Amino acid sequence: MKIVYISQIRIPARNAHGFQIINMCAAFAAQGIAVELLVPWRNNLLKDDPFDFYHVPKNFKIQKVPAIDLYFLRFVPEKISSFVLLFSFLI
């Protein structure tokens, strides 16, 4: 069995949802399931290795998919940035 977990978050992230997603992937992989986490490539101030940051074993794969991240452009409204990121990630 293989699970492809798709999430539109920054990895690593200081928020609880990043912690939950990484730990779910690690738990599935510990049960012998092949797990791949797909996340968009986004600007991120945290440069740590996600496995070290969350203290989980490297028993699954994290794949960063190209996406257009406009959040660093402060003059672009947040709703437009979210829309562009979502649809560029889906393509």
PDB file of N, CA and C in Angstrom:
ATOM      1  N   MET A   1       0.846  -1.172   0.000  1.00  0.00           N
ATOM      2  CA  MET A   1       0.000   0.000   0.000  1.00  0.00           C
ATOM      3  C   MET A   1       0.894   1.238   0.000  1.00  0.00           C
ATOM      4  N   LYS A   2       0.405   2.287  -0.662  1.00  0.00           N
ATOM      5  CA  LYS A   2       1.139   3.550  -0.700  1.00  0.00           C
ATOM      6  C   LYS A   2       0.167   4.683  -0.417  1.00  0.00           C
ATOM      7  N   ILE A   3       0.599   5.622   0.422  1.00  0.00           N
ATOM      8  CA  ILE A   3      -0.191   6.817   0.727  1.00  0.00           C
ATOM      9  C   ILE A   3       0.577   8.028   0.218  1.00  0.00           C
ATOM     10  N   VAL A   4      -0.109   8.854  -0.556  1.00  0.00           N
ATOM     11  CA  VAL A   4       0.444  10.142  -0.974  1.00  0.00           C
ATOM     12  C   VAL A   4      -0.350  11.195  -0.224  1.00  0.00           C
ATOM     13  N   TYR A   5       0.285  11.838   0.732  1.00  0.00           N
ATOM     14  CA  TYR A   5      -0.353  12.859   1.581  1.00  0.00           C
ATOM     15  C   TYR A   5      -0.052  14.211   0.949  1.00  0.00           C
ATOM     16  N   ILE A   6      -1.088  14.908   0.509  1.00  0.00           N
ATOM     17  CA  ILE A   6      -0.926  16.199  -0.155  1.00  0.00           C
ATOM     18  C   ILE A   6      -1.380  17.297   0.792  1.00  0.00           C
ATOM     19  N   SER A   7      -0.511  18.265   1.017  1.00  0.00           N
ATOM     20  CA  SER A   7      -0.848  19.361   1.916  1.00  0.00           C
ATOM     21  C   SER A   7      -0.220  20.655   1.421  1.00  0.00           C
ATOM     22  N   GLN A   8      -0.960  21.736   1.535  1.00  0.00           N
ATOM     23  CA  GLN A   8      -0.479  23.039   1.065  1.00  0.00           C
ATOM     24  C   GLN A   8       0.067  23.850   2.244  1.00  0.00           C
ATOM     25  N   ILE A   9       1.116  23.343   2.894  1.00  0.00           N
ATOM     26  CA  ILE A   9       1.706  24.027   4.043  1.00  0.00           C
ATOM     27  C   ILE A   9       3.208  24.188   3.840  1.00  0.00           C
ATOM     28  N   ARG A  10       3.785  25.048   4.648  1.00  0.00           N
ATOM     29  CA  ARG A  10       5.246  25.151   4.690  1.00  0.00           C
ATOM     30  C   ARG A  10       5.759  24.024   5.576  1.00  0.00           C
ATOM     31  N   ILE A  11       6.855  23.425   5.150  1.00  0.00           N
ATOM     32  CA  ILE A  11       7.511  22.402   5.957  1.00  0.00           C
ATOM     33  C   ILE A  11       8.976  22.788   6.059  1.00  0.00           C
ATOM     34  N   PRO A  12       9.536  22.937   7.229  1.00  0.00           N
ATOM     35  CA  PRO A  12       8.887  22.865   8.538  1.00  0.00           C
ATOM     36  C   PRO A  12       8.091  24.126   8.843  1.00  0.00           C
ATOM     37  N   ALA A  13       7.160  23.974   9.774  1.00  0.00           N
ATOM     38  CA  ALA A  13       6.327  25.090  10.220  1.00  0.00           C
ATOM     39  C   ALA A  13       6.227  25.040  11.738  1.00  0.00           C
ATOM     40  N   ARG A  14       6.079  26.179  12.346  1.00  0.00           N
ATOM     41  CA  ARG A  14       5.958  26.221  13.807  1.00  0.00           C
ATOM     42  C   ARG A  14       4.533  25.951  14.273  1.00  0.00           C
ATOM     43  N   ASN A  15       3.598  25.889  13.352  1.00  0.00           N
ATOM     44  CA  ASN A  15       2.196  25.673  13.704  1.00  0.00           C
ATOM     45  C   ASN A  15       1.933  24.200  14.015  1.00  0.00           C
ATOM     46  N   ALA A  16       0.831  23.958  14.699  1.00  0.00           N
ATOM     47  CA  ALA A  16       0.473  22.599  15.100  1.00  0.00           C
ATOM     48  C   ALA A  16       0.137  21.718  13.904  1.00  0.00           C
ATOM     49  N   HIS A  17      -0.403  22.289  12.831  1.00  0.00           N
ATOM     50  CA  HIS A  17      -0.787  21.455  11.693  1.00  0.00           C
ATOM     51  C   HIS A  17       0.436  20.821  11.026  1.00  0.00           C
ATOM     52  N   GLY A  18       1.563  21.505  10.999  1.00  0.00           N
ATOM     53  CA  GLY A  18       2.781  20.914  10.456  1.00  0.00           C
ATOM     54  C   GLY A  18       3.251  19.739  11.302  1.00  0.00           C
ATOM     55  N   PHE A  19       3.199  19.910  12.611  1.00  0.00           N
ATOM     56  CA  PHE A  19       3.566  18.843  13.550  1.00  0.00           C
ATOM     57  C   PHE A  19       2.660  17.629  13.359  1.00  0.00           C
ATOM     58  N   GLN A  20       1.359  17.871  13.240  1.00  0.00           N
ATOM     59  CA  GLN A  20       0.388  16.786  13.080  1.00  0.00           C
ATOM     60  C   GLN A  20       0.610  16.035  11.768  1.00  0.00           C
ATOM     61  N   ILE A  21       0.816  16.753  10.682  1.00  0.00           N
ATOM     62  CA  ILE A  21       0.985  16.116   9.375  1.00  0.00           C
ATOM     63  C   ILE A  21       2.249  15.264   9.340  1.00  0.00           C
ATOM     64  N   ILE A  22       3.356  15.797   9.830  1.00  0.00           N
ATOM     65  CA  ILE A  22       4.619  15.046   9.846  1.00  0.00           C
ATOM     66  C   ILE A  22       4.497  13.801  10.719  1.00  0.00           C
ATOM     67  N   ASN A  23       3.870  13.932  11.877  1.00  0.00           N
ATOM     68  CA  ASN A  23       3.724  12.776  12.764  1.00  0.00           C
ATOM     69  C   ASN A  23       2.775  11.729  12.206  1.00  0.00           C
ATOM     70  N   MET A  24       1.743  12.138  11.480  1.00  0.00           N
ATOM     71  CA  MET A  24       0.855  11.167  10.830  1.00  0.00           C
ATOM     72  C   MET A  24       1.619  10.385   9.759  1.00  0.00           C
ATOM     73  N   CYS A  25       2.403  11.076   8.961  1.00  0.00           N
ATOM     74  CA  CYS A  25       3.198  10.407   7.926  1.00  0.00           C
ATOM     75  C   CYS A  25       4.191   9.427   8.551  1.00  0.00           C
ATOM     76  N   ALA A  26       4.856   9.845   9.620  1.00  0.00           N
ATOM     77  CA  ALA A  26       5.818   8.969  10.302  1.00  0.00           C
ATOM     78  C   ALA A  26       5.122   7.749  10.902  1.00  0.00           C
ATOM     79  N   ALA A  27       3.926   7.938  11.453  1.00  0.00           N
ATOM     80  CA  ALA A  27       3.184   6.820  12.048  1.00  0.00           C
ATOM     81  C   ALA A  27       2.736   5.823  10.979  1.00  0.00           C
ATOM     82  N   PHE A  28       2.243   6.316   9.848  1.00  0.00           N
ATOM     83  CA  PHE A  28       1.865   5.415   8.754  1.00  0.00           C
ATOM     84  C   PHE A  28       3.082   4.642   8.263  1.00  0.00           C
ATOM     85  N   ALA A  29       4.209   5.325   8.087  1.00  0.00           N
ATOM     86  CA  ALA A  29       5.424   4.677   7.603  1.00  0.00           C
ATOM     87  C   ALA A  29       5.939   3.642   8.601  1.00  0.00           C
ATOM     88  N   ALA A  30       5.768   3.897   9.893  1.00  0.00           N
ATOM     89  CA  ALA A  30       6.196   2.940  10.926  1.00  0.00           C
ATOM     90  C   ALA A  30       5.391   1.643  10.853  1.00  0.00           C
ATOM     91  N   GLN A  31       4.204   1.705  10.262  1.00  0.00           N
ATOM     92  CA  GLN A  31       3.364   0.516  10.097  1.00  0.00           C
ATOM     93  C   GLN A  31       3.693  -0.244   8.810  1.00  0.00           C
ATOM     94  N   GLY A  32       4.717   0.198   8.099  1.00  0.00           N
ATOM     95  CA  GLY A  32       5.148  -0.484   6.886  1.00  0.00           C
ATOM     96  C   GLY A  32       4.507   0.035   5.610  1.00  0.00           C
ATOM     97  N   ILE A  33       3.804   1.144   5.694  1.00  0.00           N
ATOM     98  CA  ILE A  33       3.153   1.734   4.529  1.00  0.00           C
ATOM     99  C   ILE A  33       4.122   2.716   3.873  1.00  0.00           C
ATOM    100  N   ALA A  34       4.224   2.663   2.559  1.00  0.00           N
ATOM    101  CA  ALA A  34       5.057   3.626   1.826  1.00  0.00           C
ATOM    102  C   ALA A  34       4.320   4.961   1.811  1.00  0.00           C
ATOM    103  N   VAL A  35       4.962   5.995   2.336  1.00  0.00           N
ATOM    104  CA  VAL A  35       4.324   7.311   2.460  1.00  0.00           C
ATOM    105  C   VAL A  35       5.162   8.355   1.735  1.00  0.00           C
ATOM    106  N   GLU A  36       4.465   9.206   0.993  1.00  0.00           N
ATOM    107  CA  GLU A  36       5.110  10.348   0.346  1.00  0.00           C
ATOM    108  C   GLU A  36       4.283  11.586   0.669  1.00  0.00           C
ATOM    109  N   LEU A  37       4.935  12.595   1.232  1.00  0.00           N
ATOM    110  CA  LEU A  37       4.284  13.862   1.562  1.00  0.00           C
ATOM    111  C   LEU A  37       4.595  14.860   0.458  1.00  0.00           C
ATOM    112  N   LEU A  38       3.543  15.363  -0.200  1.00  0.00           N
ATOM    113  CA  LEU A  38       3.703  16.368  -1.252  1.00  0.00           C
ATOM    114  C   LEU A  38       3.320  17.724  -0.697  1.00  0.00           C
ATOM    115  N   VAL A  39       4.272  18.654  -0.731  1.00  0.00           N
ATOM    116  CA  VAL A  39       4.032  20.020  -0.258  1.00  0.00           C
ATOM    117  C   VAL A  39       4.555  20.991  -1.306  1.00  0.00           C
ATOM    118  N   PRO A  40       4.007  22.206  -1.358  1.00  0.00           N
ATOM    119  CA  PRO A  40       4.522  23.178  -2.316  1.00  0.00           C
ATOM    120  C   PRO A  40       5.865  23.737  -1.857  1.00  0.00           C
ATOM    121  N   TRP A  41       6.720  24.061  -2.828  1.00  0.00           N
ATOM    122  CA  TRP A  41       7.937  24.783  -2.484  1.00  0.00           C
ATOM    123  C   TRP A  41       7.513  26.208  -2.195  1.00  0.00           C
ATOM    124  N   ARG A  42       7.801  26.664  -0.970  1.00  0.00           N
ATOM    125  CA  ARG A  42       7.415  28.015  -0.559  1.00  0.00           C
ATOM    126  C   ARG A  42       8.589  28.676   0.133  1.00  0.00           C
ATOM    127  N   ASN A  43       8.581  30.010   0.118  1.00  0.00           N
ATOM    128  CA  ASN A  43       9.579  30.753   0.887  1.00  0.00           C
ATOM    129  C   ASN A  43       9.382  30.410   2.357  1.00  0.00           C
ATOM    130  N   ASN A  44      10.469  30.072   3.030  1.00  0.00           N
ATOM    131  CA  ASN A  44      10.367  29.642   4.419  1.00  0.00           C
ATOM    132  C   ASN A  44      11.590  30.142   5.183  1.00  0.00           C
ATOM    133  N   LEU A  45      11.343  30.800   6.293  1.00  0.00           N
ATOM    134  CA  LEU A  45      12.448  31.279   7.125  1.00  0.00           C
ATOM    135  C   LEU A  45      13.123  30.145   7.883  1.00  0.00           C
ATOM    136  N   LEU A  46      12.398  29.056   8.103  1.00  0.00           N
ATOM    137  CA  LEU A  46      12.959  27.894   8.797  1.00  0.00           C
ATOM    138  C   LEU A  46      13.690  27.029   7.778  1.00  0.00           C
ATOM    139  N   LYS A  47      14.982  26.908   7.917  1.00  0.00           N
ATOM    140  CA  LYS A  47      15.798  26.160   6.958  1.00  0.00           C
ATOM    141  C   LYS A  47      16.181  24.778   7.479  1.00  0.00           C
ATOM    142  N   ASP A  48      15.684  24.390   8.653  1.00  0.00           N
ATOM    143  CA  ASP A  48      16.032  23.111   9.263  1.00  0.00           C
ATOM    144  C   ASP A  48      15.511  21.942   8.426  1.00  0.00           C
ATOM    145  N   ASP A  49      16.166  20.805   8.578  1.00  0.00           N
ATOM    146  CA  ASP A  49      15.659  19.579   7.988  1.00  0.00           C
ATOM    147  C   ASP A  49      14.351  19.231   8.695  1.00  0.00           C
ATOM    148  N   PRO A  50      13.262  18.954   7.973  1.00  0.00           N
ATOM    149  CA  PRO A  50      11.974  18.682   8.625  1.00  0.00           C
ATOM    150  C   PRO A  50      12.022  17.515   9.610  1.00  0.00           C
ATOM    151  N   PHE A  51      12.770  16.473   9.289  1.00  0.00           N
ATOM    152  CA  PHE A  51      12.842  15.318  10.180  1.00  0.00           C
ATOM    153  C   PHE A  51      13.534  15.678  11.495  1.00  0.00           C
ATOM    154  N   ASP A  52      14.580  16.489  11.420  1.00  0.00           N
ATOM    155  CA  ASP A  52      15.261  16.942  12.633  1.00  0.00           C
ATOM    156  C   ASP A  52      14.408  17.949  13.403  1.00  0.00           C
ATOM    157  N   PHE A  53      13.741  18.828  12.689  1.00  0.00           N
ATOM    158  CA  PHE A  53      12.913  19.858  13.318  1.00  0.00           C
ATOM    159  C   PHE A  53      11.789  19.237  14.154  1.00  0.00           C
ATOM    160  N   TYR A  54      11.147  18.196  13.606  1.00  0.00           N
ATOM    161  CA  TYR A  54      10.016  17.559  14.297  1.00  0.00           C
ATOM    162  C   TYR A  54      10.417  16.328  15.110  1.00  0.00           C
ATOM    163  N   HIS A  55      11.688  15.942  15.043  1.00  0.00           N
ATOM    164  CA  HIS A  55      12.197  14.776  15.789  1.00  0.00           C
ATOM    165  C   HIS A  55      11.440  13.502  15.419  1.00  0.00           C
ATOM    166  N   VAL A  56      11.335  13.241  14.128  1.00  0.00           N
ATOM    167  CA  VAL A  56      10.700  12.014  13.639  1.00  0.00           C
ATOM    168  C   VAL A  56      11.713  11.254  12.789  1.00  0.00           C
ATOM    169  N   PRO A  57      11.557   9.929  12.689  1.00  0.00           N
ATOM    170  CA  PRO A  57      12.488   9.149  11.869  1.00  0.00           C
ATOM    171  C   PRO A  57      12.310   9.458  10.379  1.00  0.00           C
ATOM    172  N   LYS A  58      13.383   9.280   9.623  1.00  0.00           N
ATOM    173  CA  LYS A  58      13.335   9.513   8.170  1.00  0.00           C
ATOM    174  C   LYS A  58      12.824   8.250   7.480  1.00  0.00           C
ATOM    175  N   ASN A  59      11.571   7.917   7.739  1.00  0.00           N
ATOM    176  CA  ASN A  59      11.000   6.696   7.183  1.00  0.00           C
ATOM    177  C   ASN A  59       9.959   6.961   6.101  1.00  0.00           C
ATOM    178  N   PHE A  60       9.873   8.193   5.625  1.00  0.00           N
ATOM    179  CA  PHE A  60       8.990   8.534   4.511  1.00  0.00           C
ATOM    180  C   PHE A  60       9.640   9.644   3.699  1.00  0.00           C
ATOM    181  N   LYS A  61       9.088   9.887   2.527  1.00  0.00           N
ATOM    182  CA  LYS A  61       9.678  10.853   1.594  1.00  0.00           C
ATOM    183  C   LYS A  61       8.875  12.147   1.597  1.00  0.00           C
ATOM    184  N   ILE A  62       9.580  13.280   1.574  1.00  0.00           N
ATOM    185  CA  ILE A  62       8.943  14.589   1.431  1.00  0.00           C
ATOM    186  C   ILE A  62       9.338  15.134   0.062  1.00  0.00           C
ATOM    187  N   GLN A  63       8.336  15.387  -0.765  1.00  0.00           N
ATOM    188  CA  GLN A  63       8.566  15.915  -2.110  1.00  0.00           C
ATOM    189  C   GLN A  63       8.028  17.336  -2.186  1.00  0.00           C
ATOM    190  N   LYS A  64       8.897  18.284  -2.517  1.00  0.00           N
ATOM    191  CA  LYS A  64       8.471  19.681  -2.675  1.00  0.00           C
ATOM    192  C   LYS A  64       8.167  19.934  -4.145  1.00  0.00           C
ATOM    193  N   VAL A  65       6.940  20.361  -4.399  1.00  0.00           N
ATOM    194  CA  VAL A  65       6.441  20.592  -5.751  1.00  0.00           C
ATOM    195  C   VAL A  65       6.526  22.088  -6.053  1.00  0.00           C
ATOM    196  N   PRO A  66       6.967  22.472  -7.246  1.00  0.00           N
ATOM    197  CA  PRO A  66       7.026  23.901  -7.573  1.00  0.00           C
ATOM    198  C   PRO A  66       5.647  24.562  -7.477  1.00  0.00           C
ATOM    199  N   ALA A  67       5.621  25.750  -6.908  1.00  0.00           N
ATOM    200  CA  ALA A  67       4.389  26.534  -6.783  1.00  0.00           C
ATOM    201  C   ALA A  67       4.780  28.009  -6.754  1.00  0.00           C
ATOM    202  N   ILE A  68       3.845  28.853  -7.135  1.00  0.00           N
ATOM    203  CA  ILE A  68       4.103  30.293  -7.148  1.00  0.00           C
ATOM    204  C   ILE A  68       3.668  30.876  -5.808  1.00  0.00           C
ATOM    205  N   ASP A  69       4.633  31.328  -5.030  1.00  0.00           N
ATOM    206  CA  ASP A  69       4.374  31.876  -3.698  1.00  0.00           C
ATOM    207  C   ASP A  69       4.550  33.393  -3.740  1.00  0.00           C
ATOM    208  N   LEU A  70       3.450  34.122  -3.654  1.00  0.00           N
ATOM    209  CA  LEU A  70       3.489  35.591  -3.720  1.00  0.00           C
ATOM    210  C   LEU A  70       3.367  36.257  -2.355  1.00  0.00           C
ATOM    211  N   TYR A  71       3.394  35.481  -1.281  1.00  0.00           N
ATOM    212  CA  TYR A  71       3.181  36.053   0.048  1.00  0.00           C
ATOM    213  C   TYR A  71       4.246  37.076   0.437  1.00  0.00           C
ATOM    214  N   PHE A  72       5.444  36.941  -0.114  1.00  0.00           N
ATOM    215  CA  PHE A  72       6.502  37.897   0.239  1.00  0.00           C
ATOM    216  C   PHE A  72       6.274  39.266  -0.409  1.00  0.00           C
ATOM    217  N   LEU A  73       5.405  39.341  -1.406  1.00  0.00           N
ATOM    218  CA  LEU A  73       5.069  40.622  -2.039  1.00  0.00           C
ATOM    219  C   LEU A  73       3.932  41.258  -1.256  1.00  0.00           C
ATOM    220  N   ARG A  74       4.251  42.172  -0.395  1.00  0.00           N
ATOM    221  CA  ARG A  74       3.269  42.757   0.522  1.00  0.00           C
ATOM    222  C   ARG A  74       2.172  43.555  -0.184  1.00  0.00           C
ATOM    223  N   PHE A  75       2.429  44.008  -1.419  1.00  0.00           N
ATOM    224  CA  PHE A  75       1.417  44.798  -2.123  1.00  0.00           C
ATOM    225  C   PHE A  75       0.346  43.923  -2.785  1.00  0.00           C
ATOM    226  N   VAL A  76       0.571  42.613  -2.862  1.00  0.00           N
ATOM    227  CA  VAL A  76      -0.426  41.701  -3.432  1.00  0.00           C
ATOM    228  C   VAL A  76      -1.381  41.289  -2.313  1.00  0.00           C
ATOM    229  N   PRO A  77      -2.696  41.463  -2.497  1.00  0.00           N
ATOM    230  CA  PRO A  77      -3.652  41.068  -1.456  1.00  0.00           C
ATOM    231  C   PRO A  77      -3.531  39.576  -1.116  1.00  0.00           C
ATOM    232  N   GLU A  78      -3.733  39.255   0.152  1.00  0.00           N
ATOM    233  CA  GLU A  78      -3.552  37.879   0.625  1.00  0.00           C
ATOM    234  C   GLU A  78      -4.459  36.892  -0.099  1.00  0.00           C
ATOM    235  N   LYS A  79      -5.684  37.279  -0.399  1.00  0.00           N
ATOM    236  CA  LYS A  79      -6.597  36.367  -1.099  1.00  0.00           C
ATOM    237  C   LYS A  79      -6.074  36.022  -2.491  1.00  0.00           C
ATOM    238  N   ILE A  80      -5.498  36.990  -3.162  1.00  0.00           N
ATOM    239  CA  ILE A  80      -4.930  36.726  -4.488  1.00  0.00           C
ATOM    240  C   ILE A  80      -3.707  35.825  -4.361  1.00  0.00           C
ATOM    241  N   SER A  81      -2.861  36.078  -3.372  1.00  0.00           N
ATOM    242  CA  SER A  81      -1.686  35.229  -3.142  1.00  0.00           C
ATOM    243  C   SER A  81      -2.101  33.791  -2.864  1.00  0.00           C
ATOM    244  N   SER A  82      -3.131  33.616  -2.047  1.00  0.00           N
ATOM    245  CA  SER A  82      -3.631  32.273  -1.724  1.00  0.00           C
ATOM    246  C   SER A  82      -4.158  31.573  -2.970  1.00  0.00           C
ATOM    247  N   PHE A  83      -4.918  32.293  -3.773  1.00  0.00           N
ATOM    248  CA  PHE A  83      -5.492  31.751  -5.001  1.00  0.00           C
ATOM    249  C   PHE A  83      -4.390  31.312  -5.966  1.00  0.00           C
ATOM    250  N   VAL A  84      -3.390  32.162  -6.171  1.00  0.00           N
ATOM    251  CA  VAL A  84      -2.284  31.843  -7.082  1.00  0.00           C
ATOM    252  C   VAL A  84      -1.499  30.636  -6.568  1.00  0.00           C
ATOM    253  N   LEU A  85      -1.214  30.601  -5.273  1.00  0.00           N
ATOM    254  CA  LEU A  85      -0.478  29.475  -4.690  1.00  0.00           C
ATOM    255  C   LEU A  85      -1.254  28.179  -4.858  1.00  0.00           C
ATOM    256  N   LEU A  86      -2.538  28.204  -4.550  1.00  0.00           N
ATOM    257  CA  LEU A  86      -3.368  27.002  -4.650  1.00  0.00           C
ATOM    258  C   LEU A  86      -3.385  26.462  -6.073  1.00  0.00           C
ATOM    259  N   PHE A  87      -3.677  27.304  -7.037  1.00  0.00           N
ATOM    260  CA  PHE A  87      -3.798  26.819  -8.404  1.00  0.00           C
ATOM    261  C   PHE A  87      -2.457  26.477  -9.040  1.00  0.00           C
ATOM    262  N   SER A  88      -1.397  27.139  -8.662  1.00  0.00           N
ATOM    263  CA  SER A  88      -0.085  26.745  -9.184  1.00  0.00           C
ATOM    264  C   SER A  88       0.362  25.420  -8.567  1.00  0.00           C
ATOM    265  N   PHE A  89      -0.055  25.149  -7.344  1.00  0.00           N
ATOM    266  CA  PHE A  89       0.264  23.880  -6.678  1.00  0.00           C
ATOM    267  C   PHE A  89      -0.535  22.732  -7.291  1.00  0.00           C
ATOM    268  N   LEU A  90      -1.768  22.999  -7.691  1.00  0.00           N
ATOM    269  CA  LEU A  90      -2.623  21.958  -8.259  1.00  0.00           C
ATOM    270  C   LEU A  90      -2.196  21.526  -9.657  1.00  0.00           C
ATOM    271  N   ILE A  91      -1.525  22.412 -10.368  1.00  0.00           N
ATOM    272  CA  ILE A  91      -1.165  22.106 -11.765  1.00  0.00           C
ATOM    273  C   ILE A  91      -0.100  21.070 -11.838  1.00  0.00           C
TER     274      ILE A  91
END
